[in-house]
Amino acid sequence: MSKEQLKKTVRNYINDNNVCVLATRTGDYVRCTPLEYSYHDDKFWIFSEGGAKFIGLVKNENVCLAVFDGYDRFHNLKSVQVMGKAEIIALFSKCYNVHAKYKKLPLFALEQFAATVNLICVTPTKIEALFSYFKKDGYDARQILD
């Protein structure tokens, strides 16, 4: 499969969904958390009020993120697994504010929220796509974007 065709297929799939699981790690501690995301500028953007995932995030920028359909049957698999670098965006920085606007979240509401609302940006370094239907077109079901 051409790289451009794969990129388009992966981008469309990611944009057709909005929930991922994010795995973070430090030492022996591993956390996997379901989260809502946005995808633009070839990055995943996640607002989060905190939680145990930050134990790993603050000490290790390397993360794994997955987007997938519920299991239907073996011949109908659809998923992407993303290895990437996570960055916690500074509160109310220009980047933070731009993404809040993108998500239609008023800054005054974020400022008055009871907990701090962090913004995580994940830049993919490798994406593994698994789509059973690729086989119908003569390709391997698993394709990789570096």
N, C-alpha and C. Protein backbone atom coordinates (compact mmCIF):
# COMPACT_ATOMS: atom_id res chain seq x y z
N MET A 1 0.85 -1.18 0.00
CA MET A 1 0.00 0.00 0.00
C MET A 1 0.90 1.23 0.00
N SER A 2 0.55 2.22 -0.79
CA SER A 2 1.36 3.43 -0.83
C SER A 2 1.26 4.18 0.51
N LYS A 3 2.31 4.87 0.83
CA LYS A 3 2.35 5.62 2.09
C LYS A 3 1.23 6.66 2.13
N GLU A 4 0.97 7.34 1.02
CA GLU A 4 -0.09 8.35 0.98
C GLU A 4 -1.47 7.74 1.18
N GLN A 5 -1.71 6.59 0.55
CA GLN A 5 -2.99 5.90 0.72
C GLN A 5 -3.18 5.46 2.16
N LEU A 6 -2.11 4.93 2.76
CA LEU A 6 -2.18 4.49 4.15
C LEU A 6 -2.41 5.67 5.08
N LYS A 7 -1.68 6.77 4.86
CA LYS A 7 -1.87 7.97 5.69
C LYS A 7 -3.32 8.44 5.65
N LYS A 8 -3.89 8.48 4.44
CA LYS A 8 -5.27 8.94 4.29
C LYS A 8 -6.24 8.01 5.02
N THR A 9 -6.05 6.71 4.88
CA THR A 9 -6.91 5.73 5.54
C THR A 9 -6.82 5.86 7.06
N VAL A 10 -5.60 5.97 7.57
CA VAL A 10 -5.38 6.09 9.01
C VAL A 10 -5.98 7.40 9.52
N ARG A 11 -5.71 8.51 8.84
CA ARG A 11 -6.24 9.82 9.25
C ARG A 11 -7.77 9.79 9.30
N ASN A 12 -8.39 9.22 8.27
CA ASN A 12 -9.86 9.14 8.25
C ASN A 12 -10.39 8.32 9.41
N TYR A 13 -9.74 7.19 9.68
CA TYR A 13 -10.18 6.33 10.79
C TYR A 13 -10.05 7.06 12.13
N ILE A 14 -8.93 7.70 12.34
CA ILE A 14 -8.71 8.43 13.59
C ILE A 14 -9.73 9.55 13.74
N ASN A 15 -10.01 10.26 12.65
CA ASN A 15 -10.97 11.37 12.71
C ASN A 15 -12.41 10.90 12.83
N ASP A 16 -12.69 9.65 12.43
CA ASP A 16 -14.04 9.10 12.57
C ASP A 16 -14.32 8.63 13.99
N ASN A 17 -13.31 8.61 14.84
CA ASN A 17 -13.43 8.19 16.23
C ASN A 17 -13.05 9.34 17.14
N ASN A 18 -13.28 9.18 18.44
CA ASN A 18 -12.86 10.23 19.37
C ASN A 18 -12.46 9.70 20.74
N VAL A 19 -12.36 8.38 20.88
CA VAL A 19 -11.95 7.78 22.15
C VAL A 19 -10.75 6.87 21.90
N CYS A 20 -9.76 7.02 22.76
CA CYS A 20 -8.56 6.18 22.69
C CYS A 20 -8.27 5.64 24.07
N VAL A 21 -7.30 4.74 24.14
CA VAL A 21 -6.72 4.38 25.43
C VAL A 21 -5.27 4.83 25.37
N LEU A 22 -4.83 5.45 26.43
CA LEU A 22 -3.48 5.97 26.52
C LEU A 22 -2.73 5.21 27.60
N ALA A 23 -1.61 4.60 27.23
CA ALA A 23 -0.79 3.86 28.18
C ALA A 23 0.44 4.70 28.52
N THR A 24 0.67 4.86 29.83
CA THR A 24 1.83 5.60 30.34
C THR A 24 2.59 4.68 31.28
N ARG A 25 3.87 5.00 31.50
CA ARG A 25 4.70 4.12 32.31
C ARG A 25 5.83 4.89 32.97
N THR A 26 6.16 4.47 34.18
CA THR A 26 7.40 4.87 34.84
C THR A 26 7.81 3.72 35.76
N GLY A 27 9.03 3.27 35.64
CA GLY A 27 9.49 2.13 36.44
C GLY A 27 8.56 0.94 36.26
N ASP A 28 8.09 0.38 37.38
CA ASP A 28 7.18 -0.76 37.35
C ASP A 28 5.72 -0.35 37.23
N TYR A 29 5.46 0.96 37.26
CA TYR A 29 4.08 1.45 37.24
C TYR A 29 3.62 1.68 35.79
N VAL A 30 2.52 1.03 35.41
CA VAL A 30 1.93 1.18 34.08
C VAL A 30 0.46 1.52 34.26
N ARG A 31 -0.01 2.47 33.47
CA ARG A 31 -1.42 2.88 33.54
C ARG A 31 -1.99 2.96 32.13
N CYS A 32 -3.19 2.46 31.94
CA CYS A 32 -3.87 2.53 30.64
C CYS A 32 -5.23 3.17 30.90
N THR A 33 -5.49 4.29 30.23
CA THR A 33 -6.66 5.11 30.53
C THR A 33 -7.47 5.42 29.28
N PRO A 34 -8.77 5.18 29.28
CA PRO A 34 -9.61 5.61 28.15
C PRO A 34 -9.83 7.12 28.23
N LEU A 35 -9.71 7.79 27.08
CA LEU A 35 -9.82 9.25 27.03
C LEU A 35 -10.43 9.71 25.71
N GLU A 36 -11.08 10.84 25.75
CA GLU A 36 -11.55 11.49 24.53
C GLU A 36 -10.39 12.26 23.93
N TYR A 37 -10.28 12.28 22.61
CA TYR A 37 -9.21 13.00 21.94
C TYR A 37 -9.74 13.78 20.75
N SER A 38 -8.92 14.71 20.29
CA SER A 38 -9.09 15.37 19.00
C SER A 38 -7.82 15.07 18.22
N TYR A 39 -7.92 15.07 16.91
CA TYR A 39 -6.75 14.82 16.09
C TYR A 39 -6.67 15.89 15.01
N HIS A 40 -5.60 16.65 15.05
CA HIS A 40 -5.33 17.62 13.99
C HIS A 40 -3.85 17.97 14.04
N ASP A 41 -3.36 18.53 12.96
CA ASP A 41 -1.93 18.84 12.84
C ASP A 41 -1.07 17.60 13.06
N ASP A 42 -1.62 16.43 12.68
CA ASP A 42 -0.93 15.14 12.82
C ASP A 42 -0.56 14.81 14.26
N LYS A 43 -1.38 15.29 15.20
CA LYS A 43 -1.15 15.03 16.63
C LYS A 43 -2.48 14.74 17.32
N PHE A 44 -2.39 14.02 18.42
CA PHE A 44 -3.54 13.76 19.28
C PHE A 44 -3.54 14.80 20.40
N TRP A 45 -4.71 15.36 20.69
CA TRP A 45 -4.87 16.39 21.72
C TRP A 45 -5.90 15.91 22.71
N ILE A 46 -5.53 15.88 23.99
CA ILE A 46 -6.38 15.30 25.02
C ILE A 46 -6.46 16.24 26.22
N PHE A 47 -7.68 16.69 26.55
CA PHE A 47 -7.88 17.43 27.79
C PHE A 47 -8.14 16.42 28.90
N SER A 48 -7.52 16.64 30.05
CA SER A 48 -7.70 15.73 31.19
C SER A 48 -7.52 16.50 32.49
N GLU A 49 -8.42 16.23 33.45
CA GLU A 49 -8.32 16.92 34.73
C GLU A 49 -7.27 16.32 35.66
N GLY A 50 -6.57 15.34 35.21
CA GLY A 50 -5.52 14.75 36.04
C GLY A 50 -5.71 13.25 36.12
N GLY A 51 -5.26 12.67 37.21
CA GLY A 51 -5.43 11.24 37.41
C GLY A 51 -4.09 10.52 37.40
N ALA A 52 -4.19 9.21 37.59
CA ALA A 52 -3.00 8.37 37.76
C ALA A 52 -2.13 8.30 36.51
N LYS A 53 -2.66 8.59 35.34
CA LYS A 53 -1.84 8.56 34.12
C LYS A 53 -0.69 9.56 34.20
N PHE A 54 -0.85 10.62 34.97
CA PHE A 54 0.19 11.64 35.07
C PHE A 54 1.40 11.17 35.88
N ILE A 55 1.24 10.09 36.66
CA ILE A 55 2.40 9.53 37.37
C ILE A 55 3.47 9.14 36.35
N GLY A 56 3.04 8.52 35.26
CA GLY A 56 3.97 8.15 34.20
C GLY A 56 4.31 9.31 33.29
N LEU A 57 3.31 10.13 32.95
CA LEU A 57 3.54 11.22 31.99
C LEU A 57 4.61 12.21 32.43
N VAL A 58 4.63 12.54 33.71
CA VAL A 58 5.60 13.55 34.16
C VAL A 58 7.03 13.02 34.19
N LYS A 59 7.18 11.69 34.19
CA LYS A 59 8.52 11.10 34.26
C LYS A 59 8.97 10.44 32.97
N ASN A 60 8.04 10.19 32.04
CA ASN A 60 8.37 9.46 30.82
C ASN A 60 7.48 9.96 29.69
N GLU A 61 8.08 10.60 28.71
CA GLU A 61 7.31 11.15 27.60
C GLU A 61 6.86 10.09 26.60
N ASN A 62 7.40 8.89 26.67
CA ASN A 62 7.06 7.81 25.74
C ASN A 62 5.73 7.18 26.13
N VAL A 63 4.79 7.17 25.18
CA VAL A 63 3.46 6.63 25.45
C VAL A 63 3.03 5.73 24.30
N CYS A 64 1.99 4.98 24.55
CA CYS A 64 1.33 4.21 23.52
C CYS A 64 -0.16 4.56 23.60
N LEU A 65 -0.75 4.73 22.43
CA LEU A 65 -2.15 5.13 22.35
C LEU A 65 -2.82 4.20 21.34
N ALA A 66 -4.04 3.78 21.62
CA ALA A 66 -4.76 2.90 20.68
C ALA A 66 -6.17 3.40 20.45
N VAL A 67 -6.60 3.29 19.20
CA VAL A 67 -7.97 3.58 18.79
C VAL A 67 -8.45 2.30 18.11
N PHE A 68 -9.64 1.83 18.46
CA PHE A 68 -10.07 0.55 17.91
C PHE A 68 -11.58 0.43 17.92
N ASP A 69 -12.08 -0.42 17.03
CA ASP A 69 -13.50 -0.77 17.01
C ASP A 69 -13.70 -1.96 17.94
N GLY A 70 -14.91 -2.09 18.44
CA GLY A 70 -15.23 -3.27 19.23
C GLY A 70 -15.08 -4.52 18.38
N TYR A 71 -14.73 -5.61 19.01
CA TYR A 71 -14.52 -6.86 18.28
C TYR A 71 -15.84 -7.35 17.71
N ASP A 72 -15.84 -7.59 16.41
CA ASP A 72 -16.99 -8.13 15.72
C ASP A 72 -16.69 -9.58 15.35
N ARG A 73 -15.64 -9.75 14.60
CA ARG A 73 -15.09 -11.07 14.29
C ARG A 73 -13.70 -10.85 13.69
N PHE A 74 -12.95 -11.92 13.61
CA PHE A 74 -11.55 -11.82 13.21
C PHE A 74 -11.36 -11.17 11.85
N HIS A 75 -12.31 -11.35 10.96
CA HIS A 75 -12.17 -10.81 9.60
C HIS A 75 -12.71 -9.39 9.47
N ASN A 76 -12.95 -8.74 10.61
CA ASN A 76 -13.48 -7.38 10.58
C ASN A 76 -12.74 -6.51 11.60
N LEU A 77 -11.42 -6.64 11.68
CA LEU A 77 -10.63 -5.88 12.64
C LEU A 77 -10.31 -4.49 12.11
N LYS A 78 -10.42 -3.50 12.99
CA LYS A 78 -10.05 -2.13 12.65
C LYS A 78 -9.43 -1.50 13.89
N SER A 79 -8.16 -1.09 13.77
CA SER A 79 -7.50 -0.43 14.90
C SER A 79 -6.23 0.26 14.45
N VAL A 80 -5.81 1.22 15.25
CA VAL A 80 -4.48 1.81 15.09
C VAL A 80 -3.83 1.85 16.47
N GLN A 81 -2.56 1.52 16.48
CA GLN A 81 -1.75 1.61 17.70
C GLN A 81 -0.65 2.61 17.43
N VAL A 82 -0.51 3.57 18.31
CA VAL A 82 0.40 4.69 18.10
C VAL A 82 1.46 4.71 19.18
N MET A 83 2.72 4.67 18.76
CA MET A 83 3.82 4.95 19.67
C MET A 83 4.10 6.44 19.51
N GLY A 84 4.35 7.14 20.60
CA GLY A 84 4.55 8.56 20.45
C GLY A 84 5.21 9.21 21.66
N LYS A 85 5.39 10.51 21.51
CA LYS A 85 5.96 11.35 22.56
C LYS A 85 4.86 12.26 23.08
N ALA A 86 4.67 12.26 24.38
CA ALA A 86 3.64 13.08 24.99
C ALA A 86 4.25 14.33 25.60
N GLU A 87 3.51 15.40 25.50
CA GLU A 87 3.91 16.67 26.11
C GLU A 87 2.70 17.23 26.85
N ILE A 88 2.94 17.69 28.07
CA ILE A 88 1.89 18.37 28.82
C ILE A 88 2.01 19.85 28.48
N ILE A 89 0.99 20.39 27.83
CA ILE A 89 1.01 21.77 27.37
C ILE A 89 0.77 22.70 28.57
N ALA A 90 1.54 23.76 28.64
CA ALA A 90 1.41 24.71 29.75
C ALA A 90 -0.01 25.29 29.80
N LEU A 91 -0.55 25.34 31.02
CA LEU A 91 -1.89 25.87 31.21
C LEU A 91 -2.01 27.28 30.66
N PHE A 92 -3.02 27.49 29.87
CA PHE A 92 -3.38 28.80 29.31
C PHE A 92 -2.27 29.43 28.47
N SER A 93 -1.38 28.58 27.95
CA SER A 93 -0.39 29.06 26.99
C SER A 93 -1.12 29.28 25.66
N LYS A 94 -0.43 29.86 24.70
CA LYS A 94 -1.05 30.09 23.39
C LYS A 94 -1.56 28.78 22.80
N CYS A 95 -0.74 27.73 22.86
CA CYS A 95 -1.11 26.42 22.32
C CYS A 95 -2.35 25.87 23.04
N TYR A 96 -2.38 25.97 24.36
CA TYR A 96 -3.51 25.52 25.17
C TYR A 96 -4.78 26.27 24.76
N ASN A 97 -4.67 27.58 24.67
CA ASN A 97 -5.82 28.40 24.34
C ASN A 97 -6.35 28.13 22.93
N VAL A 98 -5.44 27.89 21.99
CA VAL A 98 -5.85 27.58 20.61
C VAL A 98 -6.64 26.28 20.59
N HIS A 99 -6.15 25.27 21.33
CA HIS A 99 -6.87 24.00 21.32
C HIS A 99 -8.21 24.11 22.06
N ALA A 100 -8.27 24.88 23.12
CA ALA A 100 -9.55 25.09 23.82
C ALA A 100 -10.57 25.70 22.85
N LYS A 101 -10.12 26.65 22.06
CA LYS A 101 -11.00 27.26 21.05
C LYS A 101 -11.43 26.22 20.02
N TYR A 102 -10.49 25.38 19.58
CA TYR A 102 -10.79 24.31 18.62
C TYR A 102 -11.90 23.40 19.17
N LYS A 103 -11.82 23.09 20.47
CA LYS A 103 -12.80 22.21 21.12
C LYS A 103 -14.05 22.96 21.58
N LYS A 104 -14.07 24.28 21.35
CA LYS A 104 -15.19 25.14 21.76
C LYS A 104 -15.38 25.12 23.28
N LEU A 105 -14.25 25.14 23.99
CA LEU A 105 -14.27 25.21 25.45
C LEU A 105 -13.91 26.63 25.87
N PRO A 106 -14.83 27.36 26.48
CA PRO A 106 -14.53 28.73 26.89
C PRO A 106 -13.43 28.75 27.96
N LEU A 107 -12.47 29.65 27.78
CA LEU A 107 -11.36 29.74 28.74
C LEU A 107 -11.85 30.05 30.15
N PHE A 108 -12.87 30.90 30.27
CA PHE A 108 -13.36 31.24 31.60
C PHE A 108 -13.90 30.00 32.31
N ALA A 109 -14.51 29.08 31.56
CA ALA A 109 -15.01 27.84 32.16
C ALA A 109 -13.86 26.96 32.62
N LEU A 110 -12.80 26.88 31.79
CA LEU A 110 -11.63 26.08 32.18
C LEU A 110 -10.94 26.67 33.40
N GLU A 111 -10.92 28.00 33.50
CA GLU A 111 -10.29 28.66 34.65
C GLU A 111 -11.08 28.41 35.93
N GLN A 112 -12.40 28.29 35.83
CA GLN A 112 -13.24 28.14 37.02
C GLN A 112 -13.55 26.68 37.36
N PHE A 113 -13.09 25.74 36.54
CA PHE A 113 -13.31 24.32 36.80
C PHE A 113 -12.66 23.95 38.12
N ALA A 114 -13.28 23.08 38.89
CA ALA A 114 -12.78 22.73 40.22
C ALA A 114 -11.38 22.13 40.20
N ALA A 115 -11.08 21.36 39.17
CA ALA A 115 -9.75 20.74 39.04
C ALA A 115 -9.01 21.41 37.88
N THR A 116 -7.70 21.30 37.89
CA THR A 116 -6.90 21.80 36.78
C THR A 116 -7.17 20.92 35.56
N VAL A 117 -7.44 21.56 34.43
CA VAL A 117 -7.69 20.82 33.20
C VAL A 117 -6.43 20.90 32.34
N ASN A 118 -5.70 19.80 32.32
CA ASN A 118 -4.45 19.73 31.57
C ASN A 118 -4.71 19.42 30.10
N LEU A 119 -3.76 19.77 29.26
CA LEU A 119 -3.81 19.41 27.85
C LEU A 119 -2.58 18.58 27.54
N ILE A 120 -2.82 17.37 27.03
CA ILE A 120 -1.76 16.46 26.63
C ILE A 120 -1.71 16.45 25.11
N CYS A 121 -0.52 16.57 24.56
CA CYS A 121 -0.34 16.48 23.12
C CYS A 121 0.55 15.27 22.85
N VAL A 122 0.07 14.36 22.02
CA VAL A 122 0.85 13.17 21.65
C VAL A 122 1.23 13.27 20.18
N THR A 123 2.54 13.30 19.95
CA THR A 123 3.07 13.33 18.59
C THR A 123 3.47 11.91 18.21
N PRO A 124 2.81 11.33 17.22
CA PRO A 124 3.13 9.95 16.84
C PRO A 124 4.55 9.83 16.28
N THR A 125 5.23 8.76 16.65
CA THR A 125 6.52 8.42 16.05
C THR A 125 6.39 7.16 15.18
N LYS A 126 5.35 6.37 15.47
CA LYS A 126 5.09 5.15 14.69
C LYS A 126 3.60 4.82 14.85
N ILE A 127 2.96 4.50 13.73
CA ILE A 127 1.56 4.10 13.77
C ILE A 127 1.43 2.75 13.08
N GLU A 128 0.85 1.78 13.81
CA GLU A 128 0.56 0.47 13.24
C GLU A 128 -0.94 0.39 13.01
N ALA A 129 -1.33 0.19 11.77
CA ALA A 129 -2.74 0.07 11.41
C ALA A 129 -3.06 -1.39 11.16
N LEU A 130 -4.15 -1.84 11.72
CA LEU A 130 -4.62 -3.21 11.49
C LEU A 130 -6.05 -3.14 11.00
N PHE A 131 -6.21 -3.37 9.71
CA PHE A 131 -7.53 -3.35 9.07
C PHE A 131 -7.66 -4.63 8.24
N SER A 132 -8.56 -5.50 8.63
CA SER A 132 -8.75 -6.77 7.92
C SER A 132 -9.03 -6.55 6.45
N TYR A 133 -9.78 -5.51 6.11
CA TYR A 133 -10.18 -5.31 4.72
C TYR A 133 -9.02 -4.97 3.79
N PHE A 134 -7.84 -4.62 4.33
CA PHE A 134 -6.67 -4.40 3.47
C PHE A 134 -6.36 -5.65 2.63
N LYS A 135 -6.65 -6.82 3.21
CA LYS A 135 -6.35 -8.08 2.51
C LYS A 135 -7.16 -8.21 1.22
N LYS A 136 -8.38 -7.67 1.22
CA LYS A 136 -9.22 -7.74 0.01
C LYS A 136 -8.57 -7.00 -1.16
N ASP A 137 -7.73 -6.01 -0.82
CA ASP A 137 -7.05 -5.22 -1.85
C ASP A 137 -5.64 -5.74 -2.13
N GLY A 138 -5.30 -6.91 -1.54
CA GLY A 138 -4.02 -7.53 -1.79
C GLY A 138 -2.88 -7.07 -0.90
N TYR A 139 -3.19 -6.37 0.18
CA TYR A 139 -2.17 -5.88 1.10
C TYR A 139 -2.19 -6.68 2.40
N ASP A 140 -1.12 -6.60 3.16
CA ASP A 140 -1.11 -7.18 4.49
C ASP A 140 -2.12 -6.42 5.35
N ALA A 141 -2.78 -7.11 6.26
CA ALA A 141 -3.75 -6.47 7.15
C ALA A 141 -3.07 -5.46 8.07
N ARG A 142 -1.81 -5.71 8.40
CA ARG A 142 -1.05 -4.81 9.28
C ARG A 142 -0.11 -3.96 8.42
N GLN A 143 -0.25 -2.64 8.56
CA GLN A 143 0.58 -1.68 7.84
C GLN A 143 1.21 -0.73 8.84
N ILE A 144 2.42 -0.24 8.55
CA ILE A 144 3.14 0.62 9.49
C ILE A 144 3.51 1.95 8.85
N LEU A 145 3.26 3.03 9.61
CA LEU A 145 3.71 4.38 9.24
C LEU A 145 4.77 4.80 10.24
N ASP A 146 5.95 5.13 9.77
CA ASP A 146 7.00 5.65 10.67
C ASP A 146 7.07 7.15 10.55
